[in-house]
Amino acid sequence: MAGKKTEVAETKSAEVVQFDPSMFEADAGMGLENMGTDDLALPFLKILGGMSKELDVLEDARKGDIYNTVTGAVLKGKDGVKVVPCAYQRRFIRWAPLGEGTGAPVAVYTPGEAMPKTQRSTEDNKDYVEDGSGDYIEETHQHYVLVLHEDGQVETALVAMKSTQLKKSRKWNSMISSLTVQGKNGPFTPPRFSHVYLLKTQLEENSKGSWHGWEMSRVGPIQEMATYQRAKDFASSIAAGDVVVKHQDESASGDINPDDVPF
């Protein structure tokens, strides 16, 4: 009798249904119906500098590492992260003086848009607005990317480059725009989102100090059609104005970006 009970118990145990992640597909998008772009935060990939507050709270974080501002993930700067550049924007962001304002930009200007007159400070190389407000305007290059993780996960993010990193931004743009491939009708320039790049960080310095900056290299063309389509869709969303960027003043929060080291 005891043998039969054991046999029944073993049979029930064997009938336990294993979790199948494919069940998610049947319910794709459920619970997300009422969220718009204003309800989402596009992650920034930023370099942790010597005064970054994350160094105090994240045990494994080190200067020069790459930090995801939404997920909190820390990537080693020397190893880098693979990304697909999808779109680029040049912006001029007006910030309130340190310790003032909400931490959000006072204004964001596009190239060609009328901006207030500024004067470059010889002390910190910032362009201060000539209205006595103490506000300053900072040229910022916005690189929208797909982040390709080693486990196959893909996520969208923004790499914002300013100050000393504007030169790196122009270098990356030149690498992308100068690329040609051979097609059926001859050589052509592929779309921005056709290739994978490796973003790493490296130590830089000048007479006024040292900091970590970006270094990029081309890995090669995208190999998966699904990744290419997602990159293309992301680029289209940005072009349509469907992607909202919520900048935060890193200086106001005590998080001094390494880009702020003067030239």
Protein backbone atom coordinates (compact mmCIF):
# COMPACT_ATOMS: atom_id res chain seq x y z
CA MET A 1 0.00 0.00 0.00
CA ALA A 2 2.79 2.36 0.93
CA GLY A 3 4.44 1.55 -2.38
CA LYS A 4 1.32 2.67 -4.30
CA LYS A 5 1.19 6.00 -2.42
CA THR A 6 4.79 6.67 -3.28
CA GLU A 7 4.10 5.82 -6.91
CA VAL A 8 1.15 8.25 -7.03
CA ALA A 9 3.23 11.02 -5.45
CA GLU A 10 5.99 10.51 -7.97
CA THR A 11 3.48 10.61 -10.84
CA LYS A 12 2.02 13.92 -9.62
CA SER A 13 5.50 15.38 -9.27
CA ALA A 14 6.32 14.40 -12.83
CA GLU A 15 3.20 16.17 -14.08
CA VAL A 16 4.31 19.62 -12.88
CA VAL A 17 4.18 21.96 -15.89
CA GLN A 18 7.47 23.70 -16.62
CA PHE A 19 7.39 27.48 -17.08
CA ASP A 20 7.45 28.42 -20.75
CA PRO A 21 8.53 32.04 -21.49
CA SER A 22 6.72 31.86 -24.85
CA MET A 23 3.45 32.40 -22.96
CA PHE A 24 4.48 36.08 -22.67
CA GLU A 25 4.05 36.46 -26.42
CA ALA A 26 0.33 35.72 -26.25
CA ASP A 27 -0.09 38.64 -23.82
CA ALA A 28 2.36 41.01 -25.52
CA GLY A 29 1.83 44.64 -24.54
CA MET A 30 -0.84 44.02 -21.91
CA GLY A 31 -0.77 46.55 -19.08
CA LEU A 32 1.14 49.11 -21.16
CA GLU A 33 -1.85 50.57 -23.01
CA ASN A 34 -2.05 53.84 -21.03
CA MET A 35 1.63 54.77 -21.17
CA GLY A 36 2.89 57.45 -23.52
CA THR A 37 6.33 58.89 -24.16
CA ASP A 38 5.91 61.32 -21.24
CA ASP A 39 5.58 58.34 -18.89
CA LEU A 40 8.91 56.81 -19.90
CA ALA A 41 12.53 57.72 -19.27
CA LEU A 42 15.08 57.05 -21.98
CA PRO A 43 18.18 55.70 -20.24
CA PHE A 44 21.43 57.63 -20.51
CA LEU A 45 24.75 55.86 -20.78
CA LYS A 46 27.18 58.07 -18.88
CA ILE A 47 30.76 57.80 -17.75
CA LEU A 48 31.28 57.80 -14.00
CA GLY A 49 33.70 60.52 -12.94
CA GLY A 50 35.60 61.12 -9.73
CA MET A 51 32.69 62.96 -8.08
CA SER A 52 29.86 60.78 -9.38
CA LYS A 53 27.51 59.96 -6.51
CA GLU A 54 27.08 56.41 -7.85
CA LEU A 55 30.62 55.62 -6.68
CA ASP A 56 29.40 55.97 -3.08
CA VAL A 57 26.41 53.66 -3.38
CA LEU A 58 27.39 51.06 -5.97
CA GLU A 59 29.96 48.65 -4.63
CA ASP A 60 31.38 47.54 -7.96
CA ALA A 61 31.41 50.97 -9.63
CA ARG A 62 34.74 52.56 -10.48
CA LYS A 63 35.83 55.76 -12.18
CA GLY A 64 35.62 55.31 -15.92
CA ASP A 65 32.82 52.75 -15.77
CA ILE A 66 29.65 53.17 -17.87
CA TYR A 67 26.40 53.68 -15.94
CA ASN A 68 22.82 53.17 -17.12
CA THR A 69 20.73 55.89 -15.45
CA VAL A 70 17.48 53.87 -15.58
CA THR A 71 18.45 50.27 -14.89
CA GLY A 72 21.35 51.16 -12.58
CA ALA A 73 23.58 48.69 -14.42
CA VAL A 74 27.33 49.34 -14.33
CA LEU A 75 29.46 48.27 -17.28
CA LYS A 76 33.22 48.17 -17.10
CA GLY A 77 34.67 50.98 -19.18
CA LYS A 78 37.73 49.00 -20.22
CA ASP A 79 35.50 46.24 -21.64
CA GLY A 80 32.97 48.62 -23.14
CA VAL A 81 29.50 48.00 -24.52
CA LYS A 82 28.31 47.16 -28.03
CA VAL A 83 25.80 49.61 -29.49
CA VAL A 84 24.05 50.38 -32.75
CA PRO A 85 23.90 54.15 -33.42
CA CYS A 86 20.38 54.90 -34.66
CA ALA A 87 20.05 58.69 -34.76
CA TYR A 88 21.93 61.88 -33.93
CA GLN A 89 20.83 65.32 -32.77
CA ARG A 90 22.76 68.49 -31.99
CA ARG A 91 21.24 70.55 -29.20
CA PHE A 92 22.10 73.65 -27.15
CA ILE A 93 20.89 73.27 -23.57
CA ARG A 94 20.40 76.21 -21.21
CA TRP A 95 21.09 75.40 -17.56
CA ALA A 96 20.45 77.40 -14.39
CA PRO A 97 23.41 78.20 -12.10
CA LEU A 98 24.72 75.46 -9.82
CA GLY A 99 22.33 74.85 -6.92
CA GLU A 100 19.45 76.73 -8.52
CA GLY A 101 16.52 75.65 -10.65
CA THR A 102 14.80 72.28 -10.81
CA GLY A 103 17.63 70.27 -12.30
CA ALA A 104 15.85 70.23 -15.65
CA PRO A 105 16.98 72.43 -18.56
CA VAL A 106 15.75 76.01 -18.63
CA ALA A 107 15.46 75.64 -22.40
CA VAL A 108 16.66 73.40 -25.22
CA TYR A 109 17.53 74.99 -28.57
CA THR A 110 17.98 73.38 -31.97
CA PRO A 111 20.61 74.52 -34.51
CA GLY A 112 19.39 77.62 -36.32
CA GLU A 113 16.94 78.51 -33.56
CA ALA A 114 17.29 81.98 -32.04
CA MET A 115 19.28 81.84 -28.80
CA PRO A 116 20.22 84.51 -26.25
CA LYS A 117 23.66 86.07 -26.54
CA THR A 118 26.38 84.40 -24.48
CA GLN A 119 29.92 85.14 -23.41
CA ARG A 120 32.61 82.49 -22.88
CA SER A 121 34.10 82.45 -19.37
CA THR A 122 37.87 82.11 -19.17
CA GLU A 123 37.52 80.40 -15.78
CA ASP A 124 35.41 77.37 -16.69
CA ASN A 125 34.94 77.72 -20.46
CA LYS A 126 31.15 77.85 -20.14
CA ASP A 127 29.02 80.10 -22.35
CA TYR A 128 27.06 82.31 -19.92
CA VAL A 129 23.90 84.10 -21.00
CA GLU A 130 24.39 87.89 -21.02
CA ASP A 131 21.22 88.68 -19.08
CA GLY A 132 22.70 88.46 -15.59
CA SER A 133 20.76 85.29 -14.74
CA GLY A 134 23.87 83.17 -14.34
CA ASP A 135 22.44 80.65 -16.81
CA TYR A 136 24.80 79.04 -19.30
CA ILE A 137 24.28 77.25 -22.61
CA GLU A 138 26.02 73.98 -23.35
CA GLU A 139 26.34 72.40 -26.79
CA THR A 140 25.36 68.75 -26.49
CA HIS A 141 25.49 65.98 -29.08
CA GLN A 142 22.82 63.33 -28.60
CA HIS A 143 23.55 59.85 -29.94
CA TYR A 144 20.55 57.51 -29.78
CA VAL A 145 21.65 53.89 -29.65
CA LEU A 146 20.54 50.32 -29.23
CA VAL A 147 22.54 48.61 -26.48
CA LEU A 148 23.40 45.00 -27.34
CA HIS A 149 24.00 42.92 -24.21
CA GLU A 150 25.96 39.69 -24.13
CA ASP A 151 22.85 37.73 -23.06
CA GLY A 152 21.00 38.79 -26.21
CA GLN A 153 18.92 41.50 -24.57
CA VAL A 154 18.52 44.76 -26.51
CA GLU A 155 17.54 48.14 -25.07
CA THR A 156 17.41 51.75 -26.21
CA ALA A 157 19.59 54.45 -24.66
CA LEU A 158 21.13 57.87 -25.22
CA VAL A 159 24.79 58.85 -25.16
CA ALA A 160 25.09 62.60 -24.61
CA MET A 161 28.47 64.15 -25.40
CA LYS A 162 29.53 67.67 -24.49
CA SER A 163 32.58 69.76 -23.67
CA THR A 164 35.75 67.71 -24.25
CA GLN A 165 33.71 64.89 -25.78
CA LEU A 166 32.37 66.95 -28.69
CA LYS A 167 35.54 66.05 -30.56
CA LYS A 168 34.77 62.35 -29.95
CA SER A 169 31.23 62.87 -31.18
CA ARG A 170 32.44 64.40 -34.43
CA LYS A 171 34.90 61.53 -34.84
CA TRP A 172 32.08 58.99 -34.43
CA ASN A 173 29.89 60.85 -36.92
CA SER A 174 32.76 60.85 -39.40
CA MET A 175 33.30 57.11 -38.93
CA ILE A 176 29.62 56.48 -39.65
CA SER A 177 29.22 58.86 -42.61
CA SER A 178 32.45 57.82 -44.34
CA LEU A 179 31.54 54.12 -44.38
CA THR A 180 30.77 52.66 -47.81
CA VAL A 181 29.76 49.16 -48.86
CA GLN A 182 29.51 47.56 -52.28
CA GLY A 183 25.98 47.11 -53.61
CA LYS A 184 24.45 45.75 -56.79
CA ASN A 185 24.68 49.20 -58.39
CA GLY A 186 28.06 50.15 -56.96
CA PRO A 187 29.28 51.54 -53.62
CA PHE A 188 26.82 53.29 -51.31
CA THR A 189 26.64 54.72 -47.79
CA PRO A 190 24.63 52.38 -45.53
CA PRO A 191 22.14 53.74 -42.97
CA ARG A 192 23.44 54.94 -39.63
CA PHE A 193 21.84 51.96 -37.90
CA SER A 194 23.49 49.31 -40.08
CA HIS A 195 26.63 48.67 -38.03
CA VAL A 196 27.64 47.75 -34.49
CA TYR A 197 30.20 49.82 -32.59
CA LEU A 198 32.10 49.20 -29.37
CA LEU A 199 32.02 52.08 -26.88
CA LYS A 200 34.79 52.00 -24.30
CA THR A 201 36.27 54.62 -21.98
CA GLN A 202 39.85 55.79 -21.68
CA LEU A 203 41.76 58.11 -19.40
CA GLU A 204 42.40 61.55 -20.85
CA GLU A 205 44.21 64.57 -19.47
CA ASN A 206 45.39 68.07 -20.13
CA SER A 207 47.21 70.72 -18.13
CA LYS A 208 44.17 71.26 -15.89
CA GLY A 209 43.34 67.71 -14.93
CA SER A 210 42.36 64.21 -16.01
CA TRP A 211 39.08 62.47 -16.75
CA HIS A 212 37.68 59.48 -18.62
CA GLY A 213 36.31 59.98 -22.12
CA TRP A 214 34.68 57.90 -24.81
CA GLU A 215 36.52 55.78 -27.34
CA MET A 216 34.66 54.08 -30.17
CA SER A 217 35.53 51.45 -32.75
CA ARG A 218 33.54 49.71 -35.46
CA VAL A 219 32.72 46.03 -34.84
CA GLY A 220 30.91 45.23 -38.09
CA PRO A 221 27.49 45.07 -39.73
CA ILE A 222 24.41 43.88 -37.82
CA GLN A 223 23.95 40.14 -38.25
CA GLU A 224 20.35 39.65 -37.08
CA MET A 225 17.39 40.96 -39.07
CA ALA A 226 15.34 41.47 -35.86
CA THR A 227 18.05 43.76 -34.45
CA TYR A 228 18.26 45.72 -37.69
CA GLN A 229 14.49 46.19 -37.78
CA ARG A 230 14.40 47.36 -34.17
CA ALA A 231 17.20 49.86 -34.86
CA LYS A 232 15.34 51.11 -37.92
CA ASP A 233 12.09 51.47 -35.94
CA PHE A 234 13.90 53.37 -33.19
CA ALA A 235 15.41 55.74 -35.75
CA SER A 236 11.96 56.31 -37.26
CA SER A 237 10.46 57.06 -33.84
CA ILE A 238 13.14 59.66 -33.15
CA ALA A 239 12.63 61.29 -36.55
CA ALA A 240 8.88 61.46 -35.87
CA GLY A 241 9.47 63.16 -32.51
CA ASP A 242 8.05 60.24 -30.53
CA VAL A 243 11.10 59.87 -28.28
CA VAL A 244 11.33 62.29 -25.34
CA VAL A 245 14.72 63.10 -23.80
CA LYS A 246 14.66 64.20 -20.16
CA HIS A 247 17.98 65.82 -19.43
CA GLN A 248 19.09 66.32 -15.85
CA ASP A 249 21.70 68.78 -14.65
CA GLU A 250 24.43 66.52 -13.30
CA SER A 251 26.19 69.44 -11.63
CA ALA A 252 23.06 70.40 -9.70
CA SER A 253 22.84 66.94 -8.17
CA GLY A 254 26.47 66.96 -7.14
CA ASP A 255 27.39 64.56 -9.94
CA ILE A 256 30.13 66.33 -11.84
CA ASN A 257 30.53 64.81 -15.27
CA PRO A 258 34.10 64.21 -16.45
CA ASP A 259 33.22 66.17 -19.57
CA ASP A 260 33.20 69.32 -17.44
CA VAL A 261 36.98 69.39 -17.05
CA PRO A 262 38.06 72.60 -18.83
CA PHE A 263 40.00 72.49 -22.07
